[in-house]
């Protein structure tokens, strides 16, 4: 999303695209339903922990490690192969996200750098900074055109300025743009998809829409499937009003499905089955 020459609050303008207000309202109702569940009043910490685990599993699935939930629970070593490392990175990012909420609004680029350090868990000099010209990107499941390093730096700065400035855009719109922009740019040499979905979660929690982090959009993105995810991303990258609206609606549906998942967990706990 280019902010050059844009209106003072371009994110708010996206909130009025056809279909977006309806998506925003539908998300709000879904979030209200899970927060209104009687179990949330007594056992919200358990719901938060379960949503974190399921969200990490969902995000990893979109990056090529589609494991059963019980396998994620069972495993303790996530260093054995590529899929295990992806899952480990996703779990680490989910755990780290809650520690970064207070920093995000003041320094989103610092948060993104930290997320890459956590995901990559290495000492390579490419870790924790945006990629430079000529550096390859390891993101095999995303085949969108790769912007130049110069474009990446400019658009990251623009995104950062929008976040710091704040505005009246609904949380869903801001979260969708942050997510879409990071996957479109792939600013780091690895783990961009995982980082983008974590940043989406940071926005949803930090905005107050989902303060207890129980509506894991990553669950919904995985449930909707990789093909639908990539098709919606193409709409975002197109920059057309229709494409942007479709991407925001896709992200909204993902949040709704995440909320539905946590509602099901609440009901299982209420029955004493979990």
C-alpha atoms as a PDB file:
ATOM      1  CA  UNK A   1       0.000   0.000   0.000  1.00  0.00           C
ATOM      2  CA  UNK A   2       1.624   3.230  -1.089  1.00  0.00           C
ATOM      3  CA  UNK A   3       1.051   6.245   1.133  1.00  0.00           C
ATOM      4  CA  UNK A   4       2.738   8.755  -1.159  1.00  0.00           C
ATOM      5  CA  UNK A   5       0.393  11.660  -1.757  1.00  0.00           C
ATOM      6  CA  UNK A   6      -2.333   9.873   0.175  1.00  0.00           C
ATOM      7  CA  UNK A   7      -4.970  11.493   2.303  1.00  0.00           C
ATOM      8  CA  UNK A   8      -4.231  12.291   5.928  1.00  0.00           C
ATOM      9  CA  UNK A   9      -5.882   9.056   7.050  1.00  0.00           C
ATOM     10  CA  UNK A  10      -5.818   6.611   4.132  1.00  0.00           C
ATOM     11  CA  UNK A  11      -6.637   3.660   6.386  1.00  0.00           C
ATOM     12  CA  UNK A  12      -9.891   5.285   7.408  1.00  0.00           C
ATOM     13  CA  UNK A  13     -10.752   5.719   3.732  1.00  0.00           C
ATOM     14  CA  UNK A  14     -10.356   1.963   3.243  1.00  0.00           C
ATOM     15  CA  UNK A  15     -12.934   1.439   5.956  1.00  0.00           C
ATOM     16  CA  UNK A  16     -15.607   2.887   3.697  1.00  0.00           C
ATOM     17  CA  UNK A  17     -14.938   0.613   0.714  1.00  0.00           C
ATOM     18  CA  UNK A  18     -17.968  -1.422  -0.407  1.00  0.00           C
ATOM     19  CA  UNK A  19     -18.506  -4.381   1.909  1.00  0.00           C
ATOM     20  CA  UNK A  20     -15.907  -3.324   4.470  1.00  0.00           C
ATOM     21  CA  UNK A  21     -18.294  -1.715   7.005  1.00  0.00           C
ATOM     22  CA  UNK A  22     -20.322  -4.938   6.943  1.00  0.00           C
ATOM     23  CA  UNK A  23     -17.165  -6.991   7.583  1.00  0.00           C
ATOM     24  CA  UNK A  24     -16.194  -4.718  10.472  1.00  0.00           C
ATOM     25  CA  UNK A  25     -19.636  -5.085  12.046  1.00  0.00           C
ATOM     26  CA  UNK A  26     -19.673  -8.854  11.560  1.00  0.00           C
ATOM     27  CA  UNK A  27     -16.279  -9.142  13.256  1.00  0.00           C
ATOM     28  CA  UNK A  28     -17.438  -7.012  16.165  1.00  0.00           C
ATOM     29  CA  UNK A  29     -20.467  -9.268  16.710  1.00  0.00           C
ATOM     30  CA  UNK A  30     -18.312 -12.407  16.579  1.00  0.00           C
ATOM     31  CA  UNK A  31     -15.858 -10.963  19.093  1.00  0.00           C
ATOM     32  CA  UNK A  32     -18.696  -9.858  21.380  1.00  0.00           C
ATOM     33  CA  UNK A  33     -20.148 -13.382  21.333  1.00  0.00           C
ATOM     34  CA  UNK A  34     -16.989 -15.040  22.611  1.00  0.00           C
ATOM     35  CA  UNK A  35     -16.315 -12.320  25.177  1.00  0.00           C
ATOM     36  CA  UNK A  36     -19.878 -12.666  26.419  1.00  0.00           C
ATOM     37  CA  UNK A  37     -19.524 -16.391  27.067  1.00  0.00           C
ATOM     38  CA  UNK A  38     -19.827 -17.234  30.765  1.00  0.00           C
ATOM     39  CA  UNK A  39     -16.591 -19.277  30.701  1.00  0.00           C
ATOM     40  CA  UNK A  40     -14.645 -16.180  29.602  1.00  0.00           C
ATOM     41  CA  UNK A  41     -15.549 -14.510  32.884  1.00  0.00           C
ATOM     42  CA  UNK A  42     -13.964 -17.294  34.938  1.00  0.00           C
ATOM     43  CA  UNK A  43     -11.332 -18.976  32.785  1.00  0.00           C
ATOM     44  CA  UNK A  44     -10.173 -16.419  30.237  1.00  0.00           C
ATOM     45  CA  UNK A  45      -6.493 -17.249  30.816  1.00  0.00           C
ATOM     46  CA  UNK A  46      -7.117 -20.800  29.652  1.00  0.00           C
ATOM     47  CA  UNK A  47      -8.938 -19.575  26.553  1.00  0.00           C
ATOM     48  CA  UNK A  48      -6.097 -17.179  25.777  1.00  0.00           C
ATOM     49  CA  UNK A  49      -3.497 -19.939  26.105  1.00  0.00           C
ATOM     50  CA  UNK A  50      -5.489 -22.305  23.903  1.00  0.00           C
ATOM     51  CA  UNK A  51      -6.073 -19.609  21.277  1.00  0.00           C
ATOM     52  CA  UNK A  52      -2.340 -18.900  21.226  1.00  0.00           C
ATOM     53  CA  UNK A  53      -1.513 -22.537  20.576  1.00  0.00           C
ATOM     54  CA  UNK A  54      -4.151 -22.913  17.884  1.00  0.00           C
ATOM     55  CA  UNK A  55      -3.140 -19.623  16.290  1.00  0.00           C
ATOM     56  CA  UNK A  56       0.501 -20.680  16.127  1.00  0.00           C
ATOM     57  CA  UNK A  57      -0.525 -23.970  14.543  1.00  0.00           C
ATOM     58  CA  UNK A  58      -2.665 -22.166  11.972  1.00  0.00           C
ATOM     59  CA  UNK A  59       0.025 -19.685  11.023  1.00  0.00           C
ATOM     60  CA  UNK A  60       2.605 -22.455  10.652  1.00  0.00           C
ATOM     61  CA  UNK A  61       0.189 -24.395   8.417  1.00  0.00           C
ATOM     62  CA  UNK A  62       0.108 -21.469   5.980  1.00  0.00           C
ATOM     63  CA  UNK A  63       3.911 -21.514   5.934  1.00  0.00           C
ATOM     64  CA  UNK A  64       4.118 -25.204   5.094  1.00  0.00           C
ATOM     65  CA  UNK A  65       4.007 -26.968   8.484  1.00  0.00           C
ATOM     66  CA  UNK A  66       0.430 -28.257   8.619  1.00  0.00           C
ATOM     67  CA  UNK A  67       0.521 -30.336  11.791  1.00  0.00           C
ATOM     68  CA  UNK A  68      -2.346 -31.739  13.799  1.00  0.00           C
ATOM     69  CA  UNK A  69      -2.998 -29.779  16.976  1.00  0.00           C
ATOM     70  CA  UNK A  70      -2.233 -32.777  19.170  1.00  0.00           C
ATOM     71  CA  UNK A  71       1.145 -33.152  17.477  1.00  0.00           C
ATOM     72  CA  UNK A  72       1.971 -29.548  18.370  1.00  0.00           C
ATOM     73  CA  UNK A  73       0.982 -30.245  21.977  1.00  0.00           C
ATOM     74  CA  UNK A  74       3.066 -33.400  22.110  1.00  0.00           C
ATOM     75  CA  UNK A  75       6.301 -32.155  20.602  1.00  0.00           C
ATOM     76  CA  UNK A  76       9.047 -30.562  22.666  1.00  0.00           C
ATOM     77  CA  UNK A  77      11.793 -30.433  20.039  1.00  0.00           C
ATOM     78  CA  UNK A  78      11.221 -28.114  17.094  1.00  0.00           C
ATOM     79  CA  UNK A  79      14.665 -28.250  15.535  1.00  0.00           C
ATOM     80  CA  UNK A  80      14.604 -31.535  13.663  1.00  0.00           C
ATOM     81  CA  UNK A  81      13.611 -30.506  10.122  1.00  0.00           C
ATOM     82  CA  UNK A  82      12.251 -27.571   8.129  1.00  0.00           C
ATOM     83  CA  UNK A  83       8.640 -28.104   9.184  1.00  0.00           C
ATOM     84  CA  UNK A  84       9.600 -28.421  12.841  1.00  0.00           C
ATOM     85  CA  UNK A  85      11.596 -25.206  12.638  1.00  0.00           C
ATOM     86  CA  UNK A  86       8.649 -23.388  11.069  1.00  0.00           C
ATOM     87  CA  UNK A  87       6.402 -24.610  13.874  1.00  0.00           C
ATOM     88  CA  UNK A  88       8.948 -23.615  16.485  1.00  0.00           C
ATOM     89  CA  UNK A  89       9.242 -20.148  14.968  1.00  0.00           C
ATOM     90  CA  UNK A  90       5.461 -19.745  14.971  1.00  0.00           C
ATOM     91  CA  UNK A  91       5.195 -20.771  18.624  1.00  0.00           C
ATOM     92  CA  UNK A  92       7.986 -18.383  19.617  1.00  0.00           C
ATOM     93  CA  UNK A  93       6.353 -15.504  17.760  1.00  0.00           C
ATOM     94  CA  UNK A  94       3.012 -16.125  19.432  1.00  0.00           C
ATOM     95  CA  UNK A  95       4.662 -16.089  22.845  1.00  0.00           C
ATOM     96  CA  UNK A  96       6.612 -12.922  22.032  1.00  0.00           C
ATOM     97  CA  UNK A  97       3.717 -10.927  20.604  1.00  0.00           C
ATOM     98  CA  UNK A  98       2.175 -10.139  23.971  1.00  0.00           C
ATOM     99  CA  UNK A  99       5.433  -8.597  25.174  1.00  0.00           C
ATOM    100  CA  UNK A 100       5.515  -6.074  22.346  1.00  0.00           C
ATOM    101  CA  UNK A 101       2.107  -4.416  22.550  1.00  0.00           C
ATOM    102  CA  UNK A 102       3.338  -1.320  24.377  1.00  0.00           C
ATOM    103  CA  UNK A 103       6.128  -0.757  21.848  1.00  0.00           C
ATOM    104  CA  UNK A 104       4.090  -1.245  18.667  1.00  0.00           C
ATOM    105  CA  UNK A 105       2.354   2.136  18.545  1.00  0.00           C
ATOM    106  CA  UNK A 106       5.601   4.013  19.218  1.00  0.00           C
ATOM    107  CA  UNK A 107       8.033   1.970  17.145  1.00  0.00           C
ATOM    108  CA  UNK A 108       6.474  -0.632  14.839  1.00  0.00           C
ATOM    109  CA  UNK A 109       9.711  -1.124  12.905  1.00  0.00           C
ATOM    110  CA  UNK A 110      11.500  -2.025  16.116  1.00  0.00           C
ATOM    111  CA  UNK A 111       8.799  -4.600  16.839  1.00  0.00           C
ATOM    112  CA  UNK A 112       9.091  -6.108  13.366  1.00  0.00           C
ATOM    113  CA  UNK A 113      12.873  -6.379  13.730  1.00  0.00           C
ATOM    114  CA  UNK A 114      12.395  -8.104  17.074  1.00  0.00           C
ATOM    115  CA  UNK A 115       9.888 -10.526  15.584  1.00  0.00           C
ATOM    116  CA  UNK A 116      12.375 -11.499  12.899  1.00  0.00           C
ATOM    117  CA  UNK A 117      15.063 -12.094  15.521  1.00  0.00           C
ATOM    118  CA  UNK A 118      12.674 -14.319  17.464  1.00  0.00           C
ATOM    119  CA  UNK A 119      11.501 -16.227  14.388  1.00  0.00           C
ATOM    120  CA  UNK A 120      14.921 -16.771  12.837  1.00  0.00           C
ATOM    121  CA  UNK A 121      16.609 -17.595  16.159  1.00  0.00           C
ATOM    122  CA  UNK A 122      20.019 -17.242  14.535  1.00  0.00           C
ATOM    123  CA  UNK A 123      23.081 -15.020  14.519  1.00  0.00           C
ATOM    124  CA  UNK A 124      23.214 -14.384  10.775  1.00  0.00           C
ATOM    125  CA  UNK A 125      23.870 -10.699  10.064  1.00  0.00           C
ATOM    126  CA  UNK A 126      20.708 -10.627   7.928  1.00  0.00           C
ATOM    127  CA  UNK A 127      18.525 -11.351  10.963  1.00  0.00           C
ATOM    128  CA  UNK A 128      16.621  -8.521  12.590  1.00  0.00           C
ATOM    129  CA  UNK A 129      16.858  -5.986   9.785  1.00  0.00           C
ATOM    130  CA  UNK A 130      15.110  -5.368   6.446  1.00  0.00           C
ATOM    131  CA  UNK A 131      16.741  -7.069   3.511  1.00  0.00           C
ATOM    132  CA  UNK A 132      19.230  -5.261   1.319  1.00  0.00           C
ATOM    133  CA  UNK A 133      19.428  -5.199  -2.456  1.00  0.00           C
ATOM    134  CA  UNK A 134      20.437  -8.558  -3.868  1.00  0.00           C
ATOM    135  CA  UNK A 135      19.598 -10.601  -0.761  1.00  0.00           C
ATOM    136  CA  UNK A 136      17.397 -13.591  -1.452  1.00  0.00           C
ATOM    137  CA  UNK A 137      14.089 -14.165   0.327  1.00  0.00           C
ATOM    138  CA  UNK A 138      13.144 -17.616   1.598  1.00  0.00           C
ATOM    139  CA  UNK A 139       9.335 -17.534   1.312  1.00  0.00           C
ATOM    140  CA  UNK A 140       8.618 -20.367  -1.157  1.00  0.00           C
ATOM    141  CA  UNK A 141       4.856 -20.511  -0.678  1.00  0.00           C
ATOM    142  CA  UNK A 142       4.321 -16.846  -1.635  1.00  0.00           C
ATOM    143  CA  UNK A 143       4.885 -16.249  -5.343  1.00  0.00           C
ATOM    144  CA  UNK A 144       3.904 -12.594  -5.573  1.00  0.00           C
ATOM    145  CA  UNK A 145       6.308 -10.206  -7.329  1.00  0.00           C
ATOM    146  CA  UNK A 146       9.116  -9.254  -4.950  1.00  0.00           C
ATOM    147  CA  UNK A 147       9.583  -5.489  -4.457  1.00  0.00           C
ATOM    148  CA  UNK A 148      13.091  -4.038  -4.497  1.00  0.00           C
ATOM    149  CA  UNK A 149      14.870  -3.332  -1.223  1.00  0.00           C
ATOM    150  CA  UNK A 150      14.518   0.396  -1.869  1.00  0.00           C
ATOM    151  CA  UNK A 151      10.755   0.070  -2.269  1.00  0.00           C
ATOM    152  CA  UNK A 152      10.596  -2.063   0.850  1.00  0.00           C
ATOM    153  CA  UNK A 153      12.360   0.568   2.948  1.00  0.00           C
ATOM    154  CA  UNK A 154      10.121   3.356   1.682  1.00  0.00           C
ATOM    155  CA  UNK A 155       6.884   1.468   2.197  1.00  0.00           C
ATOM    156  CA  UNK A 156       7.904   0.257   5.655  1.00  0.00           C
ATOM    157  CA  UNK A 157       8.556   3.849   6.667  1.00  0.00           C
ATOM    158  CA  UNK A 158       5.149   4.849   5.306  1.00  0.00           C
ATOM    159  CA  UNK A 159       3.430   2.032   7.166  1.00  0.00           C
ATOM    160  CA  UNK A 160       5.252   2.967  10.357  1.00  0.00           C
ATOM    161  CA  UNK A 161       4.161   6.585  10.037  1.00  0.00           C
ATOM    162  CA  UNK A 162       0.525   5.555   9.629  1.00  0.00           C
ATOM    163  CA  UNK A 163       0.627   3.348  12.720  1.00  0.00           C
ATOM    164  CA  UNK A 164       2.352   5.956  14.875  1.00  0.00           C
ATOM    165  CA  UNK A 165      -0.046   8.682  13.727  1.00  0.00           C
ATOM    166  CA  UNK A 166      -3.041   6.545  14.643  1.00  0.00           C
ATOM    167  CA  UNK A 167      -6.383   7.454  13.152  1.00  0.00           C
ATOM    168  CA  UNK A 168     -10.015   6.485  13.012  1.00  0.00           C
ATOM    169  CA  UNK A 169      -9.733   3.322  10.914  1.00  0.00           C
ATOM    170  CA  UNK A 170     -11.370   0.207  12.391  1.00  0.00           C
ATOM    171  CA  UNK A 171      -8.945  -2.262  13.937  1.00  0.00           C
ATOM    172  CA  UNK A 172      -9.806  -4.851  11.290  1.00  0.00           C
ATOM    173  CA  UNK A 173      -8.774  -2.506   8.492  1.00  0.00           C
ATOM    174  CA  UNK A 174      -5.462  -1.584  10.130  1.00  0.00           C
ATOM    175  CA  UNK A 175      -4.681  -5.223  10.942  1.00  0.00           C
ATOM    176  CA  UNK A 176      -5.474  -6.335   7.388  1.00  0.00           C
ATOM    177  CA  UNK A 177      -3.278  -3.626   5.861  1.00  0.00           C
ATOM    178  CA  UNK A 178      -0.357  -4.411   8.170  1.00  0.00           C
ATOM    179  CA  UNK A 179      -0.680  -8.113   7.368  1.00  0.00           C
ATOM    180  CA  UNK A 180      -1.066  -7.597   3.618  1.00  0.00           C
ATOM    181  CA  UNK A 181       1.737  -5.080   3.363  1.00  0.00           C
ATOM    182  CA  UNK A 182       4.246  -7.282   5.163  1.00  0.00           C
ATOM    183  CA  UNK A 183       3.516 -10.307   2.985  1.00  0.00           C
ATOM    184  CA  UNK A 184       3.546  -8.170  -0.161  1.00  0.00           C
ATOM    185  CA  UNK A 185       6.898  -6.602   0.763  1.00  0.00           C
ATOM    186  CA  UNK A 186       8.552  -9.622   2.398  1.00  0.00           C
ATOM    187  CA  UNK A 187      10.932  -7.182   4.108  1.00  0.00           C
ATOM    188  CA  UNK A 188      13.087  -9.845   5.747  1.00  0.00           C
ATOM    189  CA  UNK A 189      15.071 -12.667   4.229  1.00  0.00           C
ATOM    190  CA  UNK A 190      12.836 -15.281   5.909  1.00  0.00           C
ATOM    191  CA  UNK A 191       9.717 -15.882   8.025  1.00  0.00           C
ATOM    192  CA  UNK A 192       7.751 -12.978   6.538  1.00  0.00           C
ATOM    193  CA  UNK A 193       4.411 -14.763   6.487  1.00  0.00           C
ATOM    194  CA  UNK A 194       4.704 -15.783  10.123  1.00  0.00           C
ATOM    195  CA  UNK A 195       5.730 -12.240  11.083  1.00  0.00           C
ATOM    196  CA  UNK A 196       2.886 -10.672   9.090  1.00  0.00           C
ATOM    197  CA  UNK A 197       0.275 -12.823  10.804  1.00  0.00           C
ATOM    198  CA  UNK A 198       1.811 -12.090  14.213  1.00  0.00           C
ATOM    199  CA  UNK A 199       1.706  -8.364  13.469  1.00  0.00           C
ATOM    200  CA  UNK A 200      -1.955  -8.702  12.519  1.00  0.00           C
ATOM    201  CA  UNK A 201      -2.578 -10.236  15.945  1.00  0.00           C
ATOM    202  CA  UNK A 202      -0.627  -7.440  17.671  1.00  0.00           C
ATOM    203  CA  UNK A 203      -2.872  -4.861  15.999  1.00  0.00           C
ATOM    204  CA  UNK A 204      -6.093  -6.677  16.893  1.00  0.00           C
ATOM    205  CA  UNK A 205      -5.060  -7.040  20.530  1.00  0.00           C
ATOM    206  CA  UNK A 206      -3.452  -3.624  20.930  1.00  0.00           C
ATOM    207  CA  UNK A 207      -6.429  -1.847  19.367  1.00  0.00           C
ATOM    208  CA  UNK A 208      -8.722  -3.176  22.069  1.00  0.00           C
ATOM    209  CA  UNK A 209     -10.828  -5.209  19.659  1.00  0.00           C
ATOM    210  CA  UNK A 210      -9.507  -8.466  21.140  1.00  0.00           C
ATOM    211  CA  UNK A 211      -7.665  -7.449  24.334  1.00  0.00           C
ATOM    212  CA  UNK A 212      -7.397 -10.983  25.714  1.00  0.00           C
ATOM    213  CA  UNK A 213      -6.133 -12.370  22.392  1.00  0.00           C
ATOM    214  CA  UNK A 214      -8.770 -15.066  22.077  1.00  0.00           C
ATOM    215  CA  UNK A 215      -9.866 -14.475  18.472  1.00  0.00           C
ATOM    216  CA  UNK A 216      -6.861 -15.903  16.657  1.00  0.00           C
ATOM    217  CA  UNK A 217      -7.132 -14.804  13.030  1.00  0.00           C
ATOM    218  CA  UNK A 218      -4.423 -17.321  12.155  1.00  0.00           C
ATOM    219  CA  UNK A 219      -6.890 -20.112  12.923  1.00  0.00           C
ATOM    220  CA  UNK A 220      -9.309 -18.643  10.424  1.00  0.00           C
ATOM    221  CA  UNK A 221      -6.695 -18.023   7.749  1.00  0.00           C
ATOM    222  CA  UNK A 222      -5.688 -21.680   7.961  1.00  0.00           C
ATOM    223  CA  UNK A 223      -9.298 -22.870   7.896  1.00  0.00           C
ATOM    224  CA  UNK A 224     -10.056 -20.780   4.799  1.00  0.00           C
ATOM    225  CA  UNK A 225      -7.068 -22.441   3.129  1.00  0.00           C
ATOM    226  CA  UNK A 226      -3.841 -21.418   1.473  1.00  0.00           C
ATOM    227  CA  UNK A 227      -5.371 -21.022  -1.988  1.00  0.00           C
ATOM    228  CA  UNK A 228      -7.979 -18.538  -0.741  1.00  0.00           C
ATOM    229  CA  UNK A 229      -5.317 -16.756   1.305  1.00  0.00           C
ATOM    230  CA  UNK A 230      -3.027 -16.288  -1.683  1.00  0.00           C
ATOM    231  CA  UNK A 231      -5.912 -15.246  -3.940  1.00  0.00           C
ATOM    232  CA  UNK A 232      -6.984 -12.587  -1.439  1.00  0.00           C
ATOM    233  CA  UNK A 233      -3.388 -11.391  -1.139  1.00  0.00           C
ATOM    234  CA  UNK A 234      -3.275 -10.919  -4.895  1.00  0.00           C
ATOM    235  CA  UNK A 235      -6.256  -8.618  -4.491  1.00  0.00           C
ATOM    236  CA  UNK A 236      -4.368  -6.607  -1.891  1.00  0.00           C
ATOM    237  CA  UNK A 237      -1.278  -6.358  -4.079  1.00  0.00           C
ATOM    238  CA  UNK A 238      -3.399  -5.190  -7.019  1.00  0.00           C
ATOM    239  CA  UNK A 239      -4.163  -2.031  -5.065  1.00  0.00           C
ATOM    240  CA  UNK A 240      -7.632  -1.766  -6.598  1.00  0.00           C
ATOM    241  CA  UNK A 241     -10.568  -0.834  -4.350  1.00  0.00           C
ATOM    242  CA  UNK A 242     -12.172  -4.205  -5.113  1.00  0.00           C
ATOM    243  CA  UNK A 243      -8.972  -6.100  -4.332  1.00  0.00           C
ATOM    244  CA  UNK A 244      -8.360  -4.210  -1.109  1.00  0.00           C
ATOM    245  CA  UNK A 245     -11.949  -4.707   0.018  1.00  0.00           C
ATOM    246  CA  UNK A 246     -11.745  -8.435  -0.743  1.00  0.00           C
ATOM    247  CA  UNK A 247      -8.543  -8.771   1.315  1.00  0.00           C
ATOM    248  CA  UNK A 248     -10.043  -6.904   4.277  1.00  0.00           C
ATOM    249  CA  UNK A 249     -13.165  -9.073   4.075  1.00  0.00           C
ATOM    250  CA  UNK A 250     -10.967 -12.186   3.972  1.00  0.00           C
ATOM    251  CA  UNK A 251      -9.139 -11.061   7.112  1.00  0.00           C
ATOM    252  CA  UNK A 252     -12.473 -10.292   8.740  1.00  0.00           C
ATOM    253  CA  UNK A 253     -13.734 -13.791   8.032  1.00  0.00           C
ATOM    254  CA  UNK A 254     -10.498 -15.185   9.516  1.00  0.00           C
ATOM    255  CA  UNK A 255     -11.069 -13.254  12.754  1.00  0.00           C
ATOM    256  CA  UNK A 256     -14.671 -14.480  12.885  1.00  0.00           C
ATOM    257  CA  UNK A 257     -13.519 -18.085  12.497  1.00  0.00           C
ATOM    258  CA  UNK A 258     -10.919 -17.558  15.223  1.00  0.00           C
ATOM    259  CA  UNK A 259     -13.635 -16.234  17.507  1.00  0.00           C
ATOM    260  CA  UNK A 260     -15.840 -19.203  16.656  1.00  0.00           C
ATOM    261  CA  UNK A 261     -13.005 -21.579  17.536  1.00  0.00           C
ATOM    262  CA  UNK A 262     -12.559 -19.999  20.956  1.00  0.00           C
ATOM    263  CA  UNK A 263     -16.311 -20.077  21.521  1.00  0.00           C
ATOM    264  CA  UNK A 264     -16.176 -23.822  20.876  1.00  0.00           C
ATOM    265  CA  UNK A 265     -13.333 -24.131  23.396  1.00  0.00           C
ATOM    266  CA  UNK A 266     -15.447 -22.233  25.942  1.00  0.00           C
ATOM    267  CA  UNK A 267     -18.335 -24.612  25.386  1.00  0.00           C
ATOM    268  CA  UNK A 268     -16.083 -27.662  25.719  1.00  0.00           C
ATOM    269  CA  UNK A 269     -14.739 -26.337  29.003  1.00  0.00           C
ATOM    270  CA  UNK A 270     -18.279 -25.686  30.175  1.00  0.00           C
ATOM    271  CA  UNK A 271     -19.185 -29.302  29.447  1.00  0.00           C
ATOM    272  CA  UNK A 272     -16.065 -30.470  31.273  1.00  0.00           C
ATOM    273  CA  UNK A 273     -14.723 -32.070  28.089  1.00  0.00           C
ATOM    274  CA  UNK A 274     -11.517 -30.031  27.819  1.00  0.00           C
END
